[in-house]
Amino acid sequence: MFILTEAAKTEIQNRLELSNSAKFIRIQMRKSCFMKVKLTLEETMKVNDSEIVLDDLHFIIDKGECHYFRNKKLDFIPDQTGFKQFEVI
């Protein structure tokens, strides 16, 4: 489905450690910024979700958005102002 960079994997693992109950990592495209990804931690899946397991991390993506991530790389890139962001490249 997609490749996870080491930077993204480390950031996601750090966020999961801070969460007591989240099991899934929801990724979705930001509607206002092409190729920017919104990442949230969730406890359950929704009916229209697909689950993708990479490196023991459980990602969920709405089935209607899966095509955005196919054959892409999910990366974590903090910008110069300190805003942390994920991108598909």
PDB file of N, CA and C in Angstrom:
ATOM      1  N   MET A   1       0.839  -1.201   0.000  1.00  0.00           N
ATOM      2  CA  MET A   1       0.000   0.000   0.000  1.00  0.00           C
ATOM      3  C   MET A   1       0.874   1.252   0.000  1.00  0.00           C
ATOM      4  N   PHE A   2       1.602   1.518   1.105  1.00  0.00           N
ATOM      5  CA  PHE A   2       2.510   2.663   1.142  1.00  0.00           C
ATOM      6  C   PHE A   2       3.727   2.284   1.964  1.00  0.00           C
ATOM      7  N   ILE A   3       4.767   3.079   1.853  1.00  0.00           N
ATOM      8  CA  ILE A   3       6.005   2.853   2.593  1.00  0.00           C
ATOM      9  C   ILE A   3       6.069   3.855   3.732  1.00  0.00           C
ATOM     10  N   LEU A   4       6.566   3.422   4.848  1.00  0.00           N
ATOM     11  CA  LEU A   4       6.686   4.263   6.036  1.00  0.00           C
ATOM     12  C   LEU A   4       8.158   4.600   6.246  1.00  0.00           C
ATOM     13  N   THR A   5       8.507   5.891   6.262  1.00  0.00           N
ATOM     14  CA  THR A   5       9.900   6.271   6.504  1.00  0.00           C
ATOM     15  C   THR A   5      10.222   6.109   7.989  1.00  0.00           C
ATOM     16  N   GLU A   6      11.494   6.050   8.291  1.00  0.00           N
ATOM     17  CA  GLU A   6      11.923   5.927   9.690  1.00  0.00           C
ATOM     18  C   GLU A   6      11.489   7.132  10.520  1.00  0.00           C
ATOM     19  N   ALA A   7      11.541   8.315   9.927  1.00  0.00           N
ATOM     20  CA  ALA A   7      11.114   9.530  10.645  1.00  0.00           C
ATOM     21  C   ALA A   7       9.631   9.452  11.005  1.00  0.00           C
ATOM     22  N   ALA A   8       8.810   8.996  10.063  1.00  0.00           N
ATOM     23  CA  ALA A   8       7.368   8.877  10.323  1.00  0.00           C
ATOM     24  C   ALA A   8       7.106   7.789  11.360  1.00  0.00           C
ATOM     25  N   LYS A   9       7.786   6.664  11.221  1.00  0.00           N
ATOM     26  CA  LYS A   9       7.602   5.558  12.174  1.00  0.00           C
ATOM     27  C   LYS A   9       7.954   5.990  13.599  1.00  0.00           C
ATOM     28  N   THR A  10       9.055   6.688  13.758  1.00  0.00           N
ATOM     29  CA  THR A  10       9.482   7.162  15.081  1.00  0.00           C
ATOM     30  C   THR A  10       8.471   8.133  15.672  1.00  0.00           C
ATOM     31  N   GLU A  11       8.004   9.083  14.873  1.00  0.00           N
ATOM     32  CA  GLU A  11       7.033  10.063  15.369  1.00  0.00           C
ATOM     33  C   GLU A  11       5.719   9.381  15.760  1.00  0.00           C
ATOM     34  N   ILE A  12       5.258   8.447  14.951  1.00  0.00           N
ATOM     35  CA  ILE A  12       4.007   7.741  15.259  1.00  0.00           C
ATOM     36  C   ILE A  12       4.158   6.918  16.532  1.00  0.00           C
ATOM     37  N   GLN A  13       5.266   6.211  16.673  1.00  0.00           N
ATOM     38  CA  GLN A  13       5.495   5.428  17.887  1.00  0.00           C
ATOM     39  C   GLN A  13       5.544   6.319  19.120  1.00  0.00           C
ATOM     40  N   ASN A  14       6.148   7.491  19.014  1.00  0.00           N
ATOM     41  CA  ASN A  14       6.184   8.434  20.131  1.00  0.00           C
ATOM     42  C   ASN A  14       4.775   8.883  20.513  1.00  0.00           C
ATOM     43  N   ARG A  15       3.943   9.154  19.522  1.00  0.00           N
ATOM     44  CA  ARG A  15       2.566   9.575  19.794  1.00  0.00           C
ATOM     45  C   ARG A  15       1.755   8.439  20.426  1.00  0.00           C
ATOM     46  N   LEU A  16       1.969   7.219  19.956  1.00  0.00           N
ATOM     47  CA  LEU A  16       1.251   6.077  20.529  1.00  0.00           C
ATOM     48  C   LEU A  16       1.636   5.842  21.982  1.00  0.00           C
ATOM     49  N   GLU A  17       2.894   6.049  22.315  1.00  0.00           N
ATOM     50  CA  GLU A  17       3.349   5.888  23.695  1.00  0.00           C
ATOM     51  C   GLU A  17       2.662   6.877  24.637  1.00  0.00           C
ATOM     52  N   LEU A  18       2.324   8.048  24.130  1.00  0.00           N
ATOM     53  CA  LEU A  18       1.656   9.059  24.949  1.00  0.00           C
ATOM     54  C   LEU A  18       0.164   8.775  25.117  1.00  0.00           C
ATOM     55  N   SER A  19      -0.378   7.918  24.282  1.00  0.00           N
ATOM     56  CA  SER A  19      -1.799   7.596  24.333  1.00  0.00           C
ATOM     57  C   SER A  19      -2.005   6.306  25.125  1.00  0.00           C
ATOM     58  N   ASN A  20      -3.000   6.323  25.990  1.00  0.00           N
ATOM     59  CA  ASN A  20      -3.267   5.144  26.804  1.00  0.00           C
ATOM     60  C   ASN A  20      -4.151   4.121  26.115  1.00  0.00           C
ATOM     61  N   SER A  21      -5.028   4.568  25.223  1.00  0.00           N
ATOM     62  CA  SER A  21      -6.027   3.650  24.692  1.00  0.00           C
ATOM     63  C   SER A  21      -6.057   3.524  23.173  1.00  0.00           C
ATOM     64  N   ALA A  22      -5.355   4.364  22.463  1.00  0.00           N
ATOM     65  CA  ALA A  22      -5.420   4.324  21.004  1.00  0.00           C
ATOM     66  C   ALA A  22      -4.701   3.097  20.462  1.00  0.00           C
ATOM     67  N   LYS A  23      -5.350   2.440  19.518  1.00  0.00           N
ATOM     68  CA  LYS A  23      -4.766   1.269  18.879  1.00  0.00           C
ATOM     69  C   LYS A  23      -4.509   1.526  17.397  1.00  0.00           C
ATOM     70  N   PHE A  24      -5.336   2.376  16.793  1.00  0.00           N
ATOM     71  CA  PHE A  24      -5.270   2.613  15.354  1.00  0.00           C
ATOM     72  C   PHE A  24      -4.743   4.007  15.051  1.00  0.00           C
ATOM     73  N   ILE A  25      -4.057   4.106  13.924  1.00  0.00           N
ATOM     74  CA  ILE A  25      -3.563   5.383  13.438  1.00  0.00           C
ATOM     75  C   ILE A  25      -4.362   5.711  12.183  1.00  0.00           C
ATOM     76  N   ARG A  26      -5.242   6.703  12.273  1.00  0.00           N
ATOM     77  CA  ARG A  26      -6.027   7.112  11.108  1.00  0.00           C
ATOM     78  C   ARG A  26      -5.219   8.117  10.310  1.00  0.00           C
ATOM     79  N   ILE A  27      -5.080   7.849   9.023  1.00  0.00           N
ATOM     80  CA  ILE A  27      -4.444   8.827   8.153  1.00  0.00           C
ATOM     81  C   ILE A  27      -5.448   9.233   7.078  1.00  0.00           C
ATOM     82  N   GLN A  28      -5.482  10.513   6.818  1.00  0.00           N
ATOM     83  CA  GLN A  28      -6.370  11.038   5.784  1.00  0.00           C
ATOM     84  C   GLN A  28      -5.726  12.255   5.161  1.00  0.00           C
ATOM     85  N   MET A  29      -6.083  12.508   3.922  1.00  0.00           N
ATOM     86  CA  MET A  29      -5.531  13.659   3.215  1.00  0.00           C
ATOM     87  C   MET A  29      -6.142  14.933   3.774  1.00  0.00           C
ATOM     88  N   ARG A  30      -5.318  15.952   3.939  1.00  0.00           N
ATOM     89  CA  ARG A  30      -5.836  17.267   4.307  1.00  0.00           C
ATOM     90  C   ARG A  30      -6.481  17.869   3.076  1.00  0.00           C
ATOM     91  N   LYS A  31      -7.699  18.313   3.208  1.00  0.00           N
ATOM     92  CA  LYS A  31      -8.431  18.827   2.052  1.00  0.00           C
ATOM     93  C   LYS A  31      -7.862  20.158   1.556  1.00  0.00           C
ATOM     94  N   SER A  32      -7.222  20.923   2.437  1.00  0.00           N
ATOM     95  CA  SER A  32      -6.727  22.241   2.053  1.00  0.00           C
ATOM     96  C   SER A  32      -5.296  22.219   1.516  1.00  0.00           C
ATOM     97  N   CYS A  33      -4.551  21.145   1.761  1.00  0.00           N
ATOM     98  CA  CYS A  33      -3.149  21.093   1.358  1.00  0.00           C
ATOM     99  C   CYS A  33      -2.865  19.755   0.691  1.00  0.00           C
ATOM    100  N   PHE A  34      -2.738  19.753  -0.611  1.00  0.00           N
ATOM    101  CA  PHE A  34      -2.472  18.515  -1.327  1.00  0.00           C
ATOM    102  C   PHE A  34      -1.164  17.889  -0.860  1.00  0.00           C
ATOM    103  N   MET A  35      -1.186  16.618  -0.634  1.00  0.00           N
ATOM    104  CA  MET A  35      -0.069  15.790  -0.199  1.00  0.00           C
ATOM    105  C   MET A  35       0.244  15.921   1.294  1.00  0.00           C
ATOM    106  N   LYS A  36      -0.449  16.776   2.019  1.00  0.00           N
ATOM    107  CA  LYS A  36      -0.306  16.845   3.468  1.00  0.00           C
ATOM    108  C   LYS A  36      -1.288  15.851   4.077  1.00  0.00           C
ATOM    109  N   VAL A  37      -0.889  15.219   5.156  1.00  0.00           N
ATOM    110  CA  VAL A  37      -1.688  14.159   5.751  1.00  0.00           C
ATOM    111  C   VAL A  37      -2.052  14.521   7.183  1.00  0.00           C
ATOM    112  N   LYS A  38      -3.293  14.278   7.523  1.00  0.00           N
ATOM    113  CA  LYS A  38      -3.759  14.435   8.893  1.00  0.00           C
ATOM    114  C   LYS A  38      -3.668  13.064   9.554  1.00  0.00           C
ATOM    115  N   LEU A  39      -3.067  13.014  10.723  1.00  0.00           N
ATOM    116  CA  LEU A  39      -2.909  11.767  11.448  1.00  0.00           C
ATOM    117  C   LEU A  39      -3.565  11.902  12.813  1.00  0.00           C
ATOM    118  N   THR A  40      -4.458  10.978  13.150  1.00  0.00           N
ATOM    119  CA  THR A  40      -5.088  10.962  14.467  1.00  0.00           C
ATOM    120  C   THR A  40      -5.027   9.552  15.026  1.00  0.00           C
ATOM    121  N   LEU A  41      -5.036   9.451  16.333  1.00  0.00           N
ATOM    122  CA  LEU A  41      -5.045   8.157  17.002  1.00  0.00           C
ATOM    123  C   LEU A  41      -6.464   7.844  17.435  1.00  0.00           C
ATOM    124  N   GLU A  42      -6.903   6.620  17.181  1.00  0.00           N
ATOM    125  CA  GLU A  42      -8.279   6.237  17.483  1.00  0.00           C
ATOM    126  C   GLU A  42      -8.325   4.854  18.118  1.00  0.00           C
ATOM    127  N   GLU A  43      -9.397   4.617  18.855  1.00  0.00           N
ATOM    128  CA  GLU A  43      -9.565   3.342  19.544  1.00  0.00           C
ATOM    129  C   GLU A  43     -10.247   2.293  18.684  1.00  0.00           C
ATOM    130  N   THR A  44     -11.092   2.722  17.748  1.00  0.00           N
ATOM    131  CA  THR A  44     -11.863   1.774  16.941  1.00  0.00           C
ATOM    132  C   THR A  44     -11.859   2.173  15.475  1.00  0.00           C
ATOM    133  N   MET A  45     -12.200   1.201  14.647  1.00  0.00           N
ATOM    134  CA  MET A  45     -12.348   1.445  13.213  1.00  0.00           C
ATOM    135  C   MET A  45     -13.793   1.824  12.918  1.00  0.00           C
ATOM    136  N   LYS A  46     -14.009   2.449  11.771  1.00  0.00           N
ATOM    137  CA  LYS A  46     -15.351   2.749  11.293  1.00  0.00           C
ATOM    138  C   LYS A  46     -15.708   1.775  10.167  1.00  0.00           C
ATOM    139  N   VAL A  47     -16.963   1.737   9.809  1.00  0.00           N
ATOM    140  CA  VAL A  47     -17.463   0.775   8.830  1.00  0.00           C
ATOM    141  C   VAL A  47     -16.739   0.863   7.490  1.00  0.00           C
ATOM    142  N   ASN A  48     -16.430   2.054   7.037  1.00  0.00           N
ATOM    143  CA  ASN A  48     -15.849   2.241   5.710  1.00  0.00           C
ATOM    144  C   ASN A  48     -14.317   2.282   5.723  1.00  0.00           C
ATOM    145  N   ASP A  49     -13.686   1.799   6.799  1.00  0.00           N
ATOM    146  CA  ASP A  49     -12.232   1.848   6.926  1.00  0.00           C
ATOM    147  C   ASP A  49     -11.564   0.589   6.406  1.00  0.00           C
ATOM    148  N   SER A  50     -10.375   0.765   5.854  1.00  0.00           N
ATOM    149  CA  SER A  50      -9.475  -0.338   5.523  1.00  0.00           C
ATOM    150  C   SER A  50      -8.338  -0.292   6.523  1.00  0.00           C
ATOM    151  N   GLU A  51      -7.903  -1.454   6.981  1.00  0.00           N
ATOM    152  CA  GLU A  51      -6.774  -1.518   7.910  1.00  0.00           C
ATOM    153  C   GLU A  51      -5.534  -1.981   7.163  1.00  0.00           C
ATOM    154  N   ILE A  52      -4.432  -1.300   7.408  1.00  0.00           N
ATOM    155  CA  ILE A  52      -3.148  -1.653   6.831  1.00  0.00           C
ATOM    156  C   ILE A  52      -2.160  -1.762   7.974  1.00  0.00           C
ATOM    157  N   VAL A  53      -1.481  -2.889   8.088  1.00  0.00           N
ATOM    158  CA  VAL A  53      -0.508  -3.093   9.158  1.00  0.00           C
ATOM    159  C   VAL A  53       0.892  -3.022   8.555  1.00  0.00           C
ATOM    160  N   LEU A  54       1.679  -2.091   9.065  1.00  0.00           N
ATOM    161  CA  LEU A  54       3.075  -1.917   8.658  1.00  0.00           C
ATOM    162  C   LEU A  54       3.930  -1.822   9.908  1.00  0.00           C
ATOM    163  N   ASP A  55       4.941  -2.646  10.000  1.00  0.00           N
ATOM    164  CA  ASP A  55       5.858  -2.604  11.146  1.00  0.00           C
ATOM    165  C   ASP A  55       5.110  -2.647  12.476  1.00  0.00           C
ATOM    166  N   ASP A  56       4.104  -3.500  12.576  1.00  0.00           N
ATOM    167  CA  ASP A  56       3.270  -3.657  13.774  1.00  0.00           C
ATOM    168  C   ASP A  56       2.460  -2.413  14.129  1.00  0.00           C
ATOM    169  N   LEU A  57       2.337  -1.473  13.218  1.00  0.00           N
ATOM    170  CA  LEU A  57       1.497  -0.302  13.409  1.00  0.00           C
ATOM    171  C   LEU A  57       0.215  -0.506  12.607  1.00  0.00           C
ATOM    172  N   HIS A  58      -0.922  -0.248  13.210  1.00  0.00           N
ATOM    173  CA  HIS A  58      -2.222  -0.482  12.589  1.00  0.00           C
ATOM    174  C   HIS A  58      -2.794   0.835  12.068  1.00  0.00           C
ATOM    175  N   PHE A  59      -2.718   1.024  10.760  1.00  0.00           N
ATOM    176  CA  PHE A  59      -3.237   2.214  10.117  1.00  0.00           C
ATOM    177  C   PHE A  59      -4.653   1.948   9.637  1.00  0.00           C
ATOM    178  N   ILE A  60      -5.502   2.966   9.710  1.00  0.00           N
ATOM    179  CA  ILE A  60      -6.829   2.884   9.114  1.00  0.00           C
ATOM    180  C   ILE A  60      -6.998   4.062   8.170  1.00  0.00           C
ATOM    181  N   ILE A  61      -7.579   3.737   7.011  1.00  0.00           N
ATOM    182  CA  ILE A  61      -7.805   4.733   5.961  1.00  0.00           C
ATOM    183  C   ILE A  61      -9.206   4.507   5.423  1.00  0.00           C
ATOM    184  N   ASP A  62      -9.938   5.584   5.234  1.00  0.00           N
ATOM    185  CA  ASP A  62     -11.241   5.475   4.609  1.00  0.00           C
ATOM    186  C   ASP A  62     -11.051   4.863   3.212  1.00  0.00           C
ATOM    187  N   LYS A  63     -11.888   3.892   2.878  1.00  0.00           N
ATOM    188  CA  LYS A  63     -11.753   3.191   1.595  1.00  0.00           C
ATOM    189  C   LYS A  63     -11.779   4.147   0.406  1.00  0.00           C
ATOM    190  N   GLY A  64     -12.457   5.270   0.537  1.00  0.00           N
ATOM    191  CA  GLY A  64     -12.510   6.250  -0.538  1.00  0.00           C
ATOM    192  C   GLY A  64     -11.224   7.037  -0.716  1.00  0.00           C
ATOM    193  N   GLU A  65     -10.319   6.975   0.265  1.00  0.00           N
ATOM    194  CA  GLU A  65      -9.062   7.718   0.190  1.00  0.00           C
ATOM    195  C   GLU A  65      -7.842   6.820  -0.014  1.00  0.00           C
ATOM    196  N   CYS A  66      -8.021   5.516  -0.032  1.00  0.00           N
ATOM    197  CA  CYS A  66      -6.884   4.599  -0.141  1.00  0.00           C
ATOM    198  C   CYS A  66      -6.015   4.867  -1.364  1.00  0.00           C
ATOM    199  N   HIS A  67      -6.632   5.276  -2.458  1.00  0.00           N
ATOM    200  CA  HIS A  67      -5.869   5.498  -3.692  1.00  0.00           C
ATOM    201  C   HIS A  67      -4.836   6.616  -3.552  1.00  0.00           C
ATOM    202  N   TYR A  68      -5.042   7.543  -2.624  1.00  0.00           N
ATOM    203  CA  TYR A  68      -4.065   8.618  -2.418  1.00  0.00           C
ATOM    204  C   TYR A  68      -2.729   8.088  -1.906  1.00  0.00           C
ATOM    205  N   PHE A  69      -2.755   6.941  -1.220  1.00  0.00           N
ATOM    206  CA  PHE A  69      -1.564   6.431  -0.543  1.00  0.00           C
ATOM    207  C   PHE A  69      -0.878   5.298  -1.297  1.00  0.00           C
ATOM    208  N   ARG A  70      -1.498   4.788  -2.331  1.00  0.00           N
ATOM    209  CA  ARG A  70      -0.957   3.643  -3.058  1.00  0.00           C
ATOM    210  C   ARG A  70       0.380   4.000  -3.694  1.00  0.00           C
ATOM    211  N   ASN A  71       1.378   3.171  -3.407  1.00  0.00           N
ATOM    212  CA  ASN A  71       2.740   3.327  -3.949  1.00  0.00           C
ATOM    213  C   ASN A  71       3.381   4.660  -3.576  1.00  0.00           C
ATOM    214  N   LYS A  72       3.001   5.210  -2.434  1.00  0.00           N
ATOM    215  CA  LYS A  72       3.584   6.466  -1.950  1.00  0.00           C
ATOM    216  C   LYS A  72       4.410   6.185  -0.688  1.00  0.00           C
ATOM    217  N   LYS A  73       5.099   7.200  -0.241  1.00  0.00           N
ATOM    218  CA  LYS A  73       5.895   7.115   0.976  1.00  0.00           C
ATOM    219  C   LYS A  73       5.324   8.093   1.986  1.00  0.00           C
ATOM    220  N   LEU A  74       5.019   7.607   3.193  1.00  0.00           N
ATOM    221  CA  LEU A  74       4.538   8.472   4.269  1.00  0.00           C
ATOM    222  C   LEU A  74       5.748   8.942   5.057  1.00  0.00           C
ATOM    223  N   ASP A  75       5.936  10.248   5.108  1.00  0.00           N
ATOM    224  CA  ASP A  75       7.109  10.820   5.763  1.00  0.00           C
ATOM    225  C   ASP A  75       6.673  11.861   6.781  1.00  0.00           C
ATOM    226  N   PHE A  76       7.507  12.064   7.784  1.00  0.00           N
ATOM    227  CA  PHE A  76       7.286  13.093   8.804  1.00  0.00           C
ATOM    228  C   PHE A  76       8.317  14.179   8.585  1.00  0.00           C
ATOM    229  N   ILE A  77       7.845  15.407   8.375  1.00  0.00           N
ATOM    230  CA  ILE A  77       8.741  16.518   8.075  1.00  0.00           C
ATOM    231  C   ILE A  77       8.355  17.724   8.927  1.00  0.00           C
ATOM    232  N   PRO A  78       9.112  17.997  10.003  1.00  0.00           N
ATOM    233  CA  PRO A  78       8.821  19.226  10.750  1.00  0.00           C
ATOM    234  C   PRO A  78       9.295  20.426   9.926  1.00  0.00           C
ATOM    235  N   ASP A  79       8.478  21.447   9.858  1.00  0.00           N
ATOM    236  CA  ASP A  79       8.900  22.599   9.054  1.00  0.00           C
ATOM    237  C   ASP A  79       9.685  23.580   9.916  1.00  0.00           C
ATOM    238  N   GLN A  80      10.089  24.681   9.336  1.00  0.00           N
ATOM    239  CA  GLN A  80      10.966  25.639  10.012  1.00  0.00           C
ATOM    240  C   GLN A  80      10.303  26.375  11.166  1.00  0.00           C
ATOM    241  N   THR A  81       8.965  26.442  11.181  1.00  0.00           N
ATOM    242  CA  THR A  81       8.284  27.166  12.250  1.00  0.00           C
ATOM    243  C   THR A  81       7.884  26.252  13.408  1.00  0.00           C
ATOM    244  N   GLY A  82       8.228  24.967  13.302  1.00  0.00           N
ATOM    245  CA  GLY A  82       7.908  24.043  14.378  1.00  0.00           C
ATOM    246  C   GLY A  82       6.611  23.286  14.181  1.00  0.00           C
ATOM    247  N   PHE A  83       5.871  23.560  13.104  1.00  0.00           N
ATOM    248  CA  PHE A  83       4.646  22.829  12.838  1.00  0.00           C
ATOM    249  C   PHE A  83       5.020  21.441  12.331  1.00  0.00           C
ATOM    250  N   LYS A  84       4.545  20.424  13.016  1.00  0.00           N
ATOM    251  CA  LYS A  84       4.881  19.060  12.638  1.00  0.00           C
ATOM    252  C   LYS A  84       3.863  18.562  11.611  1.00  0.00           C
ATOM    253  N   GLN A  85       4.345  17.955  10.554  1.00  0.00           N
ATOM    254  CA  GLN A  85       3.426  17.517   9.518  1.00  0.00           C
ATOM    255  C   GLN A  85       3.868  16.197   8.909  1.00  0.00           C
ATOM    256  N   PHE A  86       2.890  15.497   8.402  1.00  0.00           N
ATOM    257  CA  PHE A  86       3.143  14.262   7.649  1.00  0.00           C
ATOM    258  C   PHE A  86       2.796  14.564   6.200  1.00  0.00           C
ATOM    259  N   GLU A  87       3.564  13.930   5.295  1.00  0.00           N
ATOM    260  CA  GLU A  87       3.330  14.119   3.871  1.00  0.00           C
ATOM    261  C   GLU A  87       3.424  12.780   3.171  1.00  0.00           C
ATOM    262  N   VAL A  88       2.724  12.674   2.048  1.00  0.00           N
ATOM    263  CA  VAL A  88       2.928  11.531   1.159  1.00  0.00           C
ATOM    264  C   VAL A  88       3.728  12.026  -0.020  1.00  0.00           C
ATOM    265  N   ILE A  89       4.802  11.324  -0.303  1.00  0.00           N
ATOM    266  CA  ILE A  89       5.688  11.749  -1.388  1.00  0.00           C
ATOM    267  C   ILE A  89       5.931  10.578  -2.332  1.00  0.00           C
TER     268      ILE A  89
END
